[in-house]
Amino acid sequence: MYINITDSASSNNRGSSRELVHYLEKENRIDEKKDLELWFNHSGKRIESYEVRSALDGNIAKLCKANAKFFLVNISPSQKELKYLEERYGKKEMNQQLRKYAEKVMDEYARNFKREGISSAKDLMWFGKIEHHRYYSFKDKEVLNGERKRGERKEGDQMHIQIIVSRKDASNKIKLSPMNNSKGKNEAHSRKLGQFNRVAFKQSGEVIFDKLFGFDRELKDAFAYANVHKNGSLLQKEQMDILERSSGQRDSLERINAQARNVSDGRFLSVADMVKETGQSVSSFIEALLEPSHPAEPDVNPVEDAERKRRRLQAQQDQGLGR
């Protein structure tokens, strides 16, 4: 699961939402399908593009010209996750399930601000759209290597969700910026805009998916695992290594992944703290550490083993004489 929030430095979000809404309508224009992919949110699933644009552009009270007016949230399930959904629900029902999932993700988006009165997707102004294709850009390595051309459609199932969320809440009174992660450095600023933990938000999207759809996520496919190996300290990587080695033991994937999230959050000051915190899984960690890297050989009869060695030695000597 890949979740990203586009900031104002890389998107034209200081003016009207017209250009972005028009861009996200591209599949409806290109494919010319009879059943258009309309916009959705917590209140409906057949919202027209002009309604999206009008609502967003009218929800900018007391925002300066240089302020971001909206943000783009990209939710991209992995190929493995999409395959799982298709096998469970079928291609047609996947759309509805992803809409349901997107609303729950936006619930977490709202709660992440830790602002009074902002507790669910209903407190936000947001509009989502399901897209079915992706195209190669000049940044893709396949284009840089000359293997693909810019604008070519990517292979495989590329279904994903694009969500435009207003900088202001649904009442047009409260400013909300997911780019504010001051973490107490400026308390007044945090109280005004809300303190948003983007890592926690990305992590929550994965947890929601697993619980909502009953998806068994392998540790190596978890966001926490990738985050620790990319950004973690040596201690966190050591802790994650122990979790990885114990993941084949008796512990469930859900339990292991929960501990991985704790490791990613820096909850444990030592390996001992992590093992102590897990309680019943202590034995699993110990077994993982003591487990031999190669399977033990089966018991053999010492007499038969000695006889085999004698014959092997005799054969080697005979070969030497034959030369």
Foldseek 3Di string as FASTA:
>chain_A
DDKDKDDVVPDVQLAFCVVVLVVVQVCCVVVVDPDGFAKDAPVGRHDHSVNLRVLQRVLAPPHDSPDGFKMKMKFWDDLVLVVLLCVVPNPVCSVVVVNVLVQQLQQVVQVQLVAPPRRGRQFWDKMKTKDFWDFDACPDVCCVVVNDPGGHIDDHTGIIMMMMTTQATPVSPAGEDLVAQVPPPDVVVCNRHGHGDVLVSRQVSVVSSCVVSVDQDALCRHPLLVLCVVPNDPQLPVLLVLLNLLPVDDDGSVLSNVLSVCSSVVVDPHSVRSLVVSPVCVVSSVCSVPPDPDDDDDDDDPVVVVVVVVVVVVVVVVVVVVD
